[in-house]
Amino acid sequence: MVRALEASGQFSDAENMRKLRAAVALLEAGQDLDPHEACSLFSQMLELQGRPPKTSFAVSVIPTRSDPKAVSGQMCSVGTYTSVMTADVNGLDGPLPIDEVAKVAKLAHRRAIG
């Protein structure tokens, strides 16, 4: 993934590239990550997508808003990662359930952390 980003020429932020390389090195080493460190990496991945630093929650349309097949919500905080998704391989019709997925993701996360 890092090589693909570098080759694309679309990723010129040296600090974020350094963070991404460090994260990839941790994962490739096969070491267990501290749950809080894993949430920090999740946040950094969201930063690479243009979200503000320390973001812990995201809702994404997959693969694109022009051809939606799924809406996914992810959250990582206090060392706990939660992900929910609604999908249809034939595509989603009508208004995208972004608010609904956000609500369910937050509720599931609250329940997961107690």
PDB file of N, CA and C in Angstrom:
ATOM      1  N   MET A   1       0.823  -1.184   0.000  1.00  0.00           N
ATOM      2  CA  MET A   1       0.000   0.000   0.000  1.00  0.00           C
ATOM      3  C   MET A   1       0.872   1.255   0.000  1.00  0.00           C
ATOM      4  N   VAL A   2       1.925   1.246   0.821  1.00  0.00           N
ATOM      5  CA  VAL A   2       2.812   2.411   0.877  1.00  0.00           C
ATOM      6  C   VAL A   2       3.451   2.645  -0.481  1.00  0.00           C
ATOM      7  N   ARG A   3       3.933   1.568  -1.106  1.00  0.00           N
ATOM      8  CA  ARG A   3       4.565   1.712  -2.432  1.00  0.00           C
ATOM      9  C   ARG A   3       3.581   2.264  -3.458  1.00  0.00           C
ATOM     10  N   ALA A   4       2.344   1.801  -3.398  1.00  0.00           N
ATOM     11  CA  ALA A   4       1.326   2.284  -4.339  1.00  0.00           C
ATOM     12  C   ALA A   4       1.058   3.768  -4.133  1.00  0.00           C
ATOM     13  N   LEU A   5       1.001   4.203  -2.872  1.00  0.00           N
ATOM     14  CA  LEU A   5       0.794   5.629  -2.595  1.00  0.00           C
ATOM     15  C   LEU A   5       1.961   6.457  -3.110  1.00  0.00           C
ATOM     16  N   GLU A   6       3.175   5.986  -2.852  1.00  0.00           N
ATOM     17  CA  GLU A   6       4.349   6.724  -3.317  1.00  0.00           C
ATOM     18  C   GLU A   6       4.383   6.785  -4.846  1.00  0.00           C
ATOM     19  N   ALA A   7       4.099   5.667  -5.497  1.00  0.00           N
ATOM     20  CA  ALA A   7       4.150   5.612  -6.958  1.00  0.00           C
ATOM     21  C   ALA A   7       3.081   6.480  -7.609  1.00  0.00           C
ATOM     22  N   SER A   8       1.961   6.660  -6.928  1.00  0.00           N
ATOM     23  CA  SER A   8       0.867   7.438  -7.512  1.00  0.00           C
ATOM     24  C   SER A   8       1.211   8.915  -7.634  1.00  0.00           C
ATOM     25  N   GLY A   9       2.129   9.384  -6.783  1.00  0.00           N
ATOM     26  CA  GLY A   9       2.474  10.801  -6.788  1.00  0.00           C
ATOM     27  C   GLY A   9       1.391  11.686  -6.207  1.00  0.00           C
ATOM     28  N   GLN A  10       0.331  11.092  -5.694  1.00  0.00           N
ATOM     29  CA  GLN A  10      -0.781  11.859  -5.140  1.00  0.00           C
ATOM     30  C   GLN A  10      -0.649  12.073  -3.641  1.00  0.00           C
ATOM     31  N   PHE A  11       0.392  11.550  -3.064  1.00  0.00           N
ATOM     32  CA  PHE A  11       0.541  11.611  -1.619  1.00  0.00           C
ATOM     33  C   PHE A  11       1.877  12.253  -1.309  1.00  0.00           C
ATOM     34  N   SER A  12       1.866  13.536  -1.004  1.00  0.00           N
ATOM     35  CA  SER A  12       3.124  14.254  -0.839  1.00  0.00           C
ATOM     36  C   SER A  12       3.391  14.700   0.591  1.00  0.00           C
ATOM     37  N   ASP A  13       2.522  14.358   1.525  1.00  0.00           N
ATOM     38  CA  ASP A  13       2.705  14.764   2.913  1.00  0.00           C
ATOM     39  C   ASP A  13       3.737  13.848   3.572  1.00  0.00           C
ATOM     40  N   ALA A  14       4.951  14.353   3.773  1.00  0.00           N
ATOM     41  CA  ALA A  14       6.052  13.534   4.291  1.00  0.00           C
ATOM     42  C   ALA A  14       5.775  13.007   5.693  1.00  0.00           C
ATOM     43  N   GLU A  15       5.178  13.809   6.555  1.00  0.00           N
ATOM     44  CA  GLU A  15       4.906  13.373   7.925  1.00  0.00           C
ATOM     45  C   GLU A  15       3.887  12.238   7.946  1.00  0.00           C
ATOM     46  N   ASN A  16       2.827  12.354   7.179  1.00  0.00           N
ATOM     47  CA  ASN A  16       1.844  11.271   7.131  1.00  0.00           C
ATOM     48  C   ASN A  16       2.431  10.018   6.489  1.00  0.00           C
ATOM     49  N   MET A  17       3.288  10.186   5.501  1.00  0.00           N
ATOM     50  CA  MET A  17       3.937   9.025   4.886  1.00  0.00           C
ATOM     51  C   MET A  17       4.840   8.336   5.906  1.00  0.00           C
ATOM     52  N   ARG A  18       5.539   9.105   6.723  1.00  0.00           N
ATOM     53  CA  ARG A  18       6.379   8.526   7.774  1.00  0.00           C
ATOM     54  C   ARG A  18       5.521   7.722   8.746  1.00  0.00           C
ATOM     55  N   LYS A  19       4.379   8.286   9.154  1.00  0.00           N
ATOM     56  CA  LYS A  19       3.475   7.586  10.075  1.00  0.00           C
ATOM     57  C   LYS A  19       2.949   6.301   9.451  1.00  0.00           C
ATOM     58  N   LEU A  20       2.611   6.365   8.176  1.00  0.00           N
ATOM     59  CA  LEU A  20       2.095   5.189   7.491  1.00  0.00           C
ATOM     60  C   LEU A  20       3.160   4.099   7.424  1.00  0.00           C
ATOM     61  N   ARG A  21       4.386   4.471   7.092  1.00  0.00           N
ATOM     62  CA  ARG A  21       5.478   3.485   7.050  1.00  0.00           C
ATOM     63  C   ARG A  21       5.686   2.841   8.419  1.00  0.00           C
ATOM     64  N   ALA A  22       5.634   3.650   9.476  1.00  0.00           N
ATOM     65  CA  ALA A  22       5.801   3.117  10.834  1.00  0.00           C
ATOM     66  C   ALA A  22       4.677   2.146  11.176  1.00  0.00           C
ATOM     67  N   ALA A  23       3.459   2.483  10.800  1.00  0.00           N
ATOM     68  CA  ALA A  23       2.318   1.601  11.064  1.00  0.00           C
ATOM     69  C   ALA A  23       2.460   0.290  10.298  1.00  0.00           C
ATOM     70  N   VAL A  24       2.853   0.376   9.039  1.00  0.00           N
ATOM     71  CA  VAL A  24       3.036  -0.826   8.230  1.00  0.00           C
ATOM     72  C   VAL A  24       4.133  -1.699   8.828  1.00  0.00           C
ATOM     73  N   ALA A  25       5.216  -1.089   9.292  1.00  0.00           N
ATOM     74  CA  ALA A  25       6.306  -1.857   9.902  1.00  0.00           C
ATOM     75  C   ALA A  25       5.821  -2.611  11.137  1.00  0.00           C
ATOM     76  N   LEU A  26       4.994  -1.961  11.963  1.00  0.00           N
ATOM     77  CA  LEU A  26       4.440  -2.632  13.144  1.00  0.00           C
ATOM     78  C   LEU A  26       3.595  -3.832  12.741  1.00  0.00           C
ATOM     79  N   LEU A  27       2.752  -3.648  11.758  1.00  0.00           N
ATOM     80  CA  LEU A  27       1.869  -4.726  11.323  1.00  0.00           C
ATOM     81  C   LEU A  27       2.644  -5.863  10.665  1.00  0.00           C
ATOM     82  N   GLU A  28       3.640  -5.515   9.852  1.00  0.00           N
ATOM     83  CA  GLU A  28       4.422  -6.544   9.172  1.00  0.00           C
ATOM     84  C   GLU A  28       5.291  -7.332  10.136  1.00  0.00           C
ATOM     85  N   ALA A  29       5.648  -6.729  11.270  1.00  0.00           N
ATOM     86  CA  ALA A  29       6.461  -7.420  12.271  1.00  0.00           C
ATOM     87  C   ALA A  29       5.666  -8.531  12.953  1.00  0.00           C
ATOM     88  N   GLY A  30       4.349  -8.498  12.796  1.00  0.00           N
ATOM     89  CA  GLY A  30       3.510  -9.534  13.377  1.00  0.00           C
ATOM     90  C   GLY A  30       3.358  -9.435  14.878  1.00  0.00           C
ATOM     91  N   GLN A  31       3.725  -8.302  15.429  1.00  0.00           N
ATOM     92  CA  GLN A  31       3.611  -8.114  16.873  1.00  0.00           C
ATOM     93  C   GLN A  31       2.188  -7.733  17.238  1.00  0.00           C
ATOM     94  N   ASP A  32       1.799  -8.144  18.441  1.00  0.00           N
ATOM     95  CA  ASP A  32       0.509  -7.697  18.953  1.00  0.00           C
ATOM     96  C   ASP A  32       0.587  -6.214  19.247  1.00  0.00           C
ATOM     97  N   LEU A  33      -0.452  -5.501  18.886  1.00  0.00           N
ATOM     98  CA  LEU A  33      -0.512  -4.070  19.168  1.00  0.00           C
ATOM     99  C   LEU A  33      -1.304  -3.850  20.442  1.00  0.00           C
ATOM    100  N   ASP A  34      -0.842  -2.921  21.235  1.00  0.00           N
ATOM    101  CA  ASP A  34      -1.621  -2.472  22.375  1.00  0.00           C
ATOM    102  C   ASP A  34      -2.937  -1.919  21.821  1.00  0.00           C
ATOM    103  N   PRO A  35      -4.075  -2.226  22.448  1.00  0.00           N
ATOM    104  CA  PRO A  35      -5.361  -1.752  21.919  1.00  0.00           C
ATOM    105  C   PRO A  35      -5.427  -0.236  21.711  1.00  0.00           C
ATOM    106  N   HIS A  36      -4.815   0.526  22.607  1.00  0.00           N
ATOM    107  CA  HIS A  36      -4.840   1.984  22.456  1.00  0.00           C
ATOM    108  C   HIS A  36      -3.954   2.423  21.286  1.00  0.00           C
ATOM    109  N   GLU A  37      -2.852   1.703  21.079  1.00  0.00           N
ATOM    110  CA  GLU A  37      -1.985   1.992  19.941  1.00  0.00           C
ATOM    111  C   GLU A  37      -2.715   1.670  18.631  1.00  0.00           C
ATOM    112  N   ALA A  38      -3.486   0.592  18.641  1.00  0.00           N
ATOM    113  CA  ALA A  38      -4.265   0.238  17.452  1.00  0.00           C
ATOM    114  C   ALA A  38      -5.275   1.333  17.122  1.00  0.00           C
ATOM    115  N   CYS A  39      -5.923   1.895  18.145  1.00  0.00           N
ATOM    116  CA  CYS A  39      -6.869   2.994  17.905  1.00  0.00           C
ATOM    117  C   CYS A  39      -6.146   4.228  17.373  1.00  0.00           C
ATOM    118  N   SER A  40      -4.930   4.452  17.847  1.00  0.00           N
ATOM    119  CA  SER A  40      -4.141   5.572  17.337  1.00  0.00           C
ATOM    120  C   SER A  40      -3.835   5.373  15.849  1.00  0.00           C
ATOM    121  N   LEU A  41      -3.496   4.145  15.462  1.00  0.00           N
ATOM    122  CA  LEU A  41      -3.244   3.853  14.047  1.00  0.00           C
ATOM    123  C   LEU A  41      -4.511   4.035  13.217  1.00  0.00           C
ATOM    124  N   PHE A  42      -5.650   3.626  13.768  1.00  0.00           N
ATOM    125  CA  PHE A  42      -6.935   3.827  13.088  1.00  0.00           C
ATOM    126  C   PHE A  42      -7.145   5.320  12.825  1.00  0.00           C
ATOM    127  N   SER A  43      -6.894   6.133  13.823  1.00  0.00           N
ATOM    128  CA  SER A  43      -7.042   7.580  13.680  1.00  0.00           C
ATOM    129  C   SER A  43      -6.095   8.128  12.612  1.00  0.00           C
ATOM    130  N   GLN A  44      -4.866   7.630  12.608  1.00  0.00           N
ATOM    131  CA  GLN A  44      -3.900   8.086  11.609  1.00  0.00           C
ATOM    132  C   GLN A  44      -4.344   7.706  10.194  1.00  0.00           C
ATOM    133  N   MET A  45      -4.944   6.535  10.050  1.00  0.00           N
ATOM    134  CA  MET A  45      -5.444   6.141   8.731  1.00  0.00           C
ATOM    135  C   MET A  45      -6.562   7.085   8.277  1.00  0.00           C
ATOM    136  N   LEU A  46      -7.391   7.519   9.216  1.00  0.00           N
ATOM    137  CA  LEU A  46      -8.440   8.484   8.871  1.00  0.00           C
ATOM    138  C   LEU A  46      -7.829   9.829   8.486  1.00  0.00           C
ATOM    139  N   GLU A  47      -6.734  10.210   9.156  1.00  0.00           N
ATOM    140  CA  GLU A  47      -6.038  11.455   8.792  1.00  0.00           C
ATOM    141  C   GLU A  47      -5.551  11.390   7.351  1.00  0.00           C
ATOM    142  N   LEU A  48      -5.064  10.213   6.940  1.00  0.00           N
ATOM    143  CA  LEU A  48      -4.585  10.057   5.567  1.00  0.00           C
ATOM    144  C   LEU A  48      -5.705  10.275   4.561  1.00  0.00           C
ATOM    145  N   GLN A  49      -6.944  10.093   4.999  1.00  0.00           N
ATOM    146  CA  GLN A  49      -8.104  10.327   4.145  1.00  0.00           C
ATOM    147  C   GLN A  49      -8.583  11.776   4.223  1.00  0.00           C
ATOM    148  N   GLY A  50      -7.841  12.604   4.969  1.00  0.00           N
ATOM    149  CA  GLY A  50      -8.184  14.016   5.051  1.00  0.00           C
ATOM    150  C   GLY A  50      -9.016  14.405   6.252  1.00  0.00           C
ATOM    151  N   ARG A  51      -9.215  13.488   7.172  1.00  0.00           N
ATOM    152  CA  ARG A  51      -9.998  13.812   8.369  1.00  0.00           C
ATOM    153  C   ARG A  51      -9.106  14.486   9.403  1.00  0.00           C
ATOM    154  N   PRO A  52      -9.708  15.213  10.339  1.00  0.00           N
ATOM    155  CA  PRO A  52      -8.912  15.911  11.351  1.00  0.00           C
ATOM    156  C   PRO A  52      -8.128  14.936  12.237  1.00  0.00           C
ATOM    157  N   PRO A  53      -6.997  15.389  12.797  1.00  0.00           N
ATOM    158  CA  PRO A  53      -6.237  14.552  13.724  1.00  0.00           C
ATOM    159  C   PRO A  53      -7.107  14.079  14.892  1.00  0.00           C
ATOM    160  N   LYS A  54      -6.805  12.891  15.359  1.00  0.00           N
ATOM    161  CA  LYS A  54      -7.473  12.270  16.510  1.00  0.00           C
ATOM    162  C   LYS A  54      -8.933  11.911  16.243  1.00  0.00           C
ATOM    163  N   THR A  55      -9.315  11.829  14.972  1.00  0.00           N
ATOM    164  CA  THR A  55     -10.664  11.383  14.633  1.00  0.00           C
ATOM    165  C   THR A  55     -10.804   9.920  15.039  1.00  0.00           C
ATOM    166  N   SER A  56     -11.913   9.587  15.696  1.00  0.00           N
ATOM    167  CA  SER A  56     -12.107   8.207  16.150  1.00  0.00           C
ATOM    168  C   SER A  56     -13.316   7.540  15.492  1.00  0.00           C
ATOM    169  N   PHE A  57     -14.002   8.252  14.595  1.00  0.00           N
ATOM    170  CA  PHE A  57     -15.240   7.737  14.014  1.00  0.00           C
ATOM    171  C   PHE A  57     -15.322   8.121  12.544  1.00  0.00           C
ATOM    172  N   ALA A  58     -15.806   7.189  11.728  1.00  0.00           N
ATOM    173  CA  ALA A  58     -15.962   7.486  10.301  1.00  0.00           C
ATOM    174  C   ALA A  58     -17.120   6.686   9.721  1.00  0.00           C
ATOM    175  N   VAL A  59     -17.825   7.299   8.792  1.00  0.00           N
ATOM    176  CA  VAL A  59     -18.838   6.612   7.995  1.00  0.00           C
ATOM    177  C   VAL A  59     -18.396   6.754   6.541  1.00  0.00           C
ATOM    178  N   SER A  60     -18.372   5.632   5.828  1.00  0.00           N
ATOM    179  CA  SER A  60     -17.889   5.626   4.449  1.00  0.00           C
ATOM    180  C   SER A  60     -18.896   4.965   3.525  1.00  0.00           C
ATOM    181  N   VAL A  61     -18.983   5.491   2.310  1.00  0.00           N
ATOM    182  CA  VAL A  61     -19.786   4.870   1.260  1.00  0.00           C
ATOM    183  C   VAL A  61     -18.816   4.077   0.391  1.00  0.00           C
ATOM    184  N   ILE A  62     -19.147   2.806   0.143  1.00  0.00           N
ATOM    185  CA  ILE A  62     -18.229   1.906  -0.539  1.00  0.00           C
ATOM    186  C   ILE A  62     -18.876   1.401  -1.826  1.00  0.00           C
ATOM    187  N   PRO A  63     -18.228   1.368  -2.971  1.00  0.00           N
ATOM    188  CA  PRO A  63     -16.921   1.949  -3.203  1.00  0.00           C
ATOM    189  C   PRO A  63     -16.960   3.463  -3.392  1.00  0.00           C
ATOM    190  N   THR A  64     -18.061   3.989  -3.944  1.00  0.00           N
ATOM    191  CA  THR A  64     -18.171   5.434  -4.145  1.00  0.00           C
ATOM    192  C   THR A  64     -19.624   5.858  -3.991  1.00  0.00           C
ATOM    193  N   ARG A  65     -19.834   7.156  -3.807  1.00  0.00           N
ATOM    194  CA  ARG A  65     -21.199   7.678  -3.720  1.00  0.00           C
ATOM    195  C   ARG A  65     -21.939   7.548  -5.054  1.00  0.00           C
ATOM    196  N   SER A  66     -21.204   7.550  -6.145  1.00  0.00           N
ATOM    197  CA  SER A  66     -21.865   7.427  -7.447  1.00  0.00           C
ATOM    198  C   SER A  66     -22.252   5.979  -7.772  1.00  0.00           C
ATOM    199  N   ASP A  67     -21.653   5.018  -7.084  1.00  0.00           N
ATOM    200  CA  ASP A  67     -21.980   3.603  -7.280  1.00  0.00           C
ATOM    201  C   ASP A  67     -21.991   2.902  -5.920  1.00  0.00           C
ATOM    202  N   PRO A  68     -22.913   3.301  -5.027  1.00  0.00           N
ATOM    203  CA  PRO A  68     -22.877   2.776  -3.656  1.00  0.00           C
ATOM    204  C   PRO A  68     -23.329   1.323  -3.560  1.00  0.00           C
ATOM    205  N   LYS A  69     -22.494   0.522  -2.937  1.00  0.00           N
ATOM    206  CA  LYS A  69     -22.833  -0.875  -2.659  1.00  0.00           C
ATOM    207  C   LYS A  69     -22.998  -1.092  -1.156  1.00  0.00           C
ATOM    208  N   ALA A  70     -22.394  -0.198  -0.353  1.00  0.00           N
ATOM    209  CA  ALA A  70     -22.439  -0.364   1.098  1.00  0.00           C
ATOM    210  C   ALA A  70     -22.201   0.967   1.793  1.00  0.00           C
ATOM    211  N   VAL A  71     -22.677   1.033   3.025  1.00  0.00           N
ATOM    212  CA  VAL A  71     -22.345   2.142   3.917  1.00  0.00           C
ATOM    213  C   VAL A  71     -21.779   1.489   5.170  1.00  0.00           C
ATOM    214  N   SER A  72     -20.595   1.928   5.551  1.00  0.00           N
ATOM    215  CA  SER A  72     -19.880   1.329   6.671  1.00  0.00           C
ATOM    216  C   SER A  72     -19.571   2.388   7.720  1.00  0.00           C
ATOM    217  N   GLY A  73     -19.720   2.023   8.974  1.00  0.00           N
ATOM    218  CA  GLY A  73     -19.360   2.910  10.076  1.00  0.00           C
ATOM    219  C   GLY A  73     -18.330   2.226  10.953  1.00  0.00           C
ATOM    220  N   GLN A  74     -17.249   2.935  11.266  1.00  0.00           N
ATOM    221  CA  GLN A  74     -16.201   2.396  12.127  1.00  0.00           C
ATOM    222  C   GLN A  74     -15.882   3.385  13.232  1.00  0.00           C
ATOM    223  N   MET A  75     -15.557   2.834  14.387  1.00  0.00           N
ATOM    224  CA  MET A  75     -15.174   3.667  15.518  1.00  0.00           C
ATOM    225  C   MET A  75     -14.119   2.924  16.325  1.00  0.00           C
ATOM    226  N   CYS A  76     -13.129   3.642  16.807  1.00  0.00           N
ATOM    227  CA  CYS A  76     -12.112   3.049  17.661  1.00  0.00           C
ATOM    228  C   CYS A  76     -11.792   4.036  18.775  1.00  0.00           C
ATOM    229  N   SER A  77     -12.065   3.627  19.997  1.00  0.00           N
ATOM    230  CA  SER A  77     -11.728   4.453  21.160  1.00  0.00           C
ATOM    231  C   SER A  77     -11.557   3.547  22.366  1.00  0.00           C
ATOM    232  N   VAL A  78     -10.870   4.039  23.349  1.00  0.00           N
ATOM    233  CA  VAL A  78     -10.542   3.312  24.586  1.00  0.00           C
ATOM    234  C   VAL A  78     -10.121   1.871  24.295  1.00  0.00           C
ATOM    235  N   GLY A  79      -9.374   1.675  23.219  1.00  0.00           N
ATOM    236  CA  GLY A  79      -8.840   0.368  22.883  1.00  0.00           C
ATOM    237  C   GLY A  79      -9.827  -0.607  22.278  1.00  0.00           C
ATOM    238  N   THR A  80     -10.989  -0.132  21.858  1.00  0.00           N
ATOM    239  CA  THR A  80     -12.014  -1.003  21.279  1.00  0.00           C
ATOM    240  C   THR A  80     -12.382  -0.516  19.885  1.00  0.00           C
ATOM    241  N   TYR A  81     -12.379  -1.450  18.928  1.00  0.00           N
ATOM    242  CA  TYR A  81     -12.739  -1.142  17.544  1.00  0.00           C
ATOM    243  C   TYR A  81     -14.104  -1.748  17.248  1.00  0.00           C
ATOM    244  N   THR A  82     -14.976  -0.956  16.632  1.00  0.00           N
ATOM    245  CA  THR A  82     -16.314  -1.404  16.258  1.00  0.00           C
ATOM    246  C   THR A  82     -16.550  -1.056  14.794  1.00  0.00           C
ATOM    247  N   SER A  83     -17.155  -1.990  14.059  1.00  0.00           N
ATOM    248  CA  SER A  83     -17.475  -1.744  12.661  1.00  0.00           C
ATOM    249  C   SER A  83     -18.846  -2.321  12.347  1.00  0.00           C
ATOM    250  N   VAL A  84     -19.668  -1.551  11.648  1.00  0.00           N
ATOM    251  CA  VAL A  84     -20.969  -2.027  11.180  1.00  0.00           C
ATOM    252  C   VAL A  84     -21.097  -1.667   9.705  1.00  0.00           C
ATOM    253  N   MET A  85     -21.920  -2.437   8.999  1.00  0.00           N
ATOM    254  CA  MET A  85     -22.085  -2.175   7.569  1.00  0.00           C
ATOM    255  C   MET A  85     -23.460  -2.655   7.120  1.00  0.00           C
ATOM    256  N   THR A  86     -24.026  -1.910   6.202  1.00  0.00           N
ATOM    257  CA  THR A  86     -25.188  -2.390   5.468  1.00  0.00           C
ATOM    258  C   THR A  86     -24.780  -2.393   4.002  1.00  0.00           C
ATOM    259  N   ALA A  87     -25.117  -3.474   3.309  1.00  0.00           N
ATOM    260  CA  ALA A  87     -24.625  -3.614   1.939  1.00  0.00           C
ATOM    261  C   ALA A  87     -25.617  -4.378   1.072  1.00  0.00           C
ATOM    262  N   ASP A  88     -25.471  -4.174  -0.226  1.00  0.00           N
ATOM    263  CA  ASP A  88     -26.225  -4.925  -1.223  1.00  0.00           C
ATOM    264  C   ASP A  88     -25.340  -5.014  -2.458  1.00  0.00           C
ATOM    265  N   VAL A  89     -24.988  -6.222  -2.870  1.00  0.00           N
ATOM    266  CA  VAL A  89     -24.097  -6.383  -4.018  1.00  0.00           C
ATOM    267  C   VAL A  89     -24.675  -5.780  -5.291  1.00  0.00           C
ATOM    268  N   ASN A  90     -25.983  -5.619  -5.336  1.00  0.00           N
ATOM    269  CA  ASN A  90     -26.622  -5.005  -6.502  1.00  0.00           C
ATOM    270  C   ASN A  90     -26.650  -3.487  -6.423  1.00  0.00           C
ATOM    271  N   GLY A  91     -26.192  -2.940  -5.315  1.00  0.00           N
ATOM    272  CA  GLY A  91     -26.182  -1.493  -5.132  1.00  0.00           C
ATOM    273  C   GLY A  91     -27.288  -1.042  -4.209  1.00  0.00           C
ATOM    274  N   LEU A  92     -27.089   0.091  -3.600  1.00  0.00           N
ATOM    275  CA  LEU A  92     -28.070   0.671  -2.687  1.00  0.00           C
ATOM    276  C   LEU A  92     -28.925   1.664  -3.450  1.00  0.00           C
ATOM    277  N   ASP A  93     -30.228   1.525  -3.340  1.00  0.00           N
ATOM    278  CA  ASP A  93     -31.158   2.437  -4.000  1.00  0.00           C
ATOM    279  C   ASP A  93     -31.690   3.449  -2.994  1.00  0.00           C
ATOM    280  N   GLY A  94     -32.117   4.580  -3.501  1.00  0.00           N
ATOM    281  CA  GLY A  94     -32.725   5.588  -2.639  1.00  0.00           C
ATOM    282  C   GLY A  94     -31.694   6.323  -1.810  1.00  0.00           C
ATOM    283  N   PRO A  95     -32.177   7.058  -0.822  1.00  0.00           N
ATOM    284  CA  PRO A  95     -31.248   7.809   0.029  1.00  0.00           C
ATOM    285  C   PRO A  95     -30.304   6.858   0.767  1.00  0.00           C
ATOM    286  N   LEU A  96     -29.037   7.208   0.807  1.00  0.00           N
ATOM    287  CA  LEU A  96     -28.061   6.375   1.509  1.00  0.00           C
ATOM    288  C   LEU A  96     -28.299   6.457   3.014  1.00  0.00           C
ATOM    289  N   PRO A  97     -28.223   5.333   3.721  1.00  0.00           N
ATOM    290  CA  PRO A  97     -28.503   5.309   5.161  1.00  0.00           C
ATOM    291  C   PRO A  97     -27.313   5.751   6.016  1.00  0.00           C
ATOM    292  N   ILE A  98     -26.746   6.885   5.689  1.00  0.00           N
ATOM    293  CA  ILE A  98     -25.552   7.356   6.391  1.00  0.00           C
ATOM    294  C   ILE A  98     -25.856   7.658   7.852  1.00  0.00           C
ATOM    295  N   ASP A  99     -26.913   8.412   8.124  1.00  0.00           N
ATOM    296  CA  ASP A  99     -27.250   8.747   9.513  1.00  0.00           C
ATOM    297  C   ASP A  99     -27.589   7.501  10.320  1.00  0.00           C
ATOM    298  N   GLU A 100     -28.309   6.581   9.708  1.00  0.00           N
ATOM    299  CA  GLU A 100     -28.696   5.356  10.403  1.00  0.00           C
ATOM    300  C   GLU A 100     -27.474   4.510  10.751  1.00  0.00           C
ATOM    301  N   VAL A 101     -26.553   4.377   9.809  1.00  0.00           N
ATOM    302  CA  VAL A 101     -25.330   3.608  10.060  1.00  0.00           C
ATOM    303  C   VAL A 101     -24.508   4.289  11.152  1.00  0.00           C
ATOM    304  N   ALA A 102     -24.439   5.612  11.127  1.00  0.00           N
ATOM    305  CA  ALA A 102     -23.707   6.340  12.169  1.00  0.00           C
ATOM    306  C   ALA A 102     -24.301   6.061  13.543  1.00  0.00           C
ATOM    307  N   LYS A 103     -25.622   6.124  13.650  1.00  0.00           N
ATOM    308  CA  LYS A 103     -26.281   5.877  14.939  1.00  0.00           C
ATOM    309  C   LYS A 103     -26.028   4.461  15.433  1.00  0.00           C
ATOM    310  N   VAL A 104     -26.172   3.482  14.545  1.00  0.00           N
ATOM    311  CA  VAL A 104     -25.973   2.084  14.934  1.00  0.00           C
ATOM    312  C   VAL A 104     -24.513   1.832  15.325  1.00  0.00           C
ATOM    313  N   ALA A 105     -23.576   2.407  14.586  1.00  0.00           N
ATOM    314  CA  ALA A 105     -22.156   2.221  14.906  1.00  0.00           C
ATOM    315  C   ALA A 105     -21.839   2.781  16.289  1.00  0.00           C
ATOM    316  N   LYS A 106     -22.349   3.966  16.581  1.00  0.00           N
ATOM    317  CA  LYS A 106     -22.092   4.572  17.896  1.00  0.00           C
ATOM    318  C   LYS A 106     -22.747   3.764  19.011  1.00  0.00           C
ATOM    319  N   LEU A 107     -23.965   3.290  18.789  1.00  0.00           N
ATOM    320  CA  LEU A 107     -24.653   2.475  19.786  1.00  0.00           C
ATOM    321  C   LEU A 107     -23.902   1.163  20.023  1.00  0.00           C
ATOM    322  N   ALA A 108     -23.505   0.497  18.955  1.00  0.00           N
ATOM    323  CA  ALA A 108     -22.761  -0.759  19.092  1.00  0.00           C
ATOM    324  C   ALA A 108     -21.445  -0.529  19.827  1.00  0.00           C
ATOM    325  N   HIS A 109     -20.786   0.586  19.543  1.00  0.00           N
ATOM    326  CA  HIS A 109     -19.514   0.881  20.203  1.00  0.00           C
ATOM    327  C   HIS A 109     -19.730   1.127  21.698  1.00  0.00           C
ATOM    328  N   ARG A 110     -20.757   1.898  22.030  1.00  0.00           N
ATOM    329  CA  ARG A 110     -21.046   2.140  23.456  1.00  0.00           C
ATOM    330  C   ARG A 110     -21.303   0.830  24.183  1.00  0.00           C
ATOM    331  N   ARG A 111     -22.039  -0.054  23.558  1.00  0.00           N
ATOM    332  CA  ARG A 111     -22.319  -1.358  24.181  1.00  0.00           C
ATOM    333  C   ARG A 111     -21.053  -2.191  24.303  1.00  0.00           C
ATOM    334  N   ALA A 112     -20.181  -2.107  23.316  1.00  0.00           N
ATOM    335  CA  ALA A 112     -18.944  -2.891  23.342  1.00  0.00           C
ATOM    336  C   ALA A 112     -18.007  -2.457  24.468  1.00  0.00           C
ATOM    337  N   ILE A 113     -17.984  -1.152  24.738  1.00  0.00           N
ATOM    338  CA  ILE A 113     -17.072  -0.677  25.788  1.00  0.00           C
ATOM    339  C   ILE A 113     -17.721  -0.685  27.163  1.00  0.00           C
ATOM    340  N   GLY A 114     -19.013  -0.980  27.205  1.00  0.00           N
ATOM    341  CA  GLY A 114     -19.712  -1.102  28.487  1.00  0.00           C
ATOM    342  C   GLY A 114     -20.193   0.189  28.956  1.00  0.00           C
TER     343      GLY A 114
END
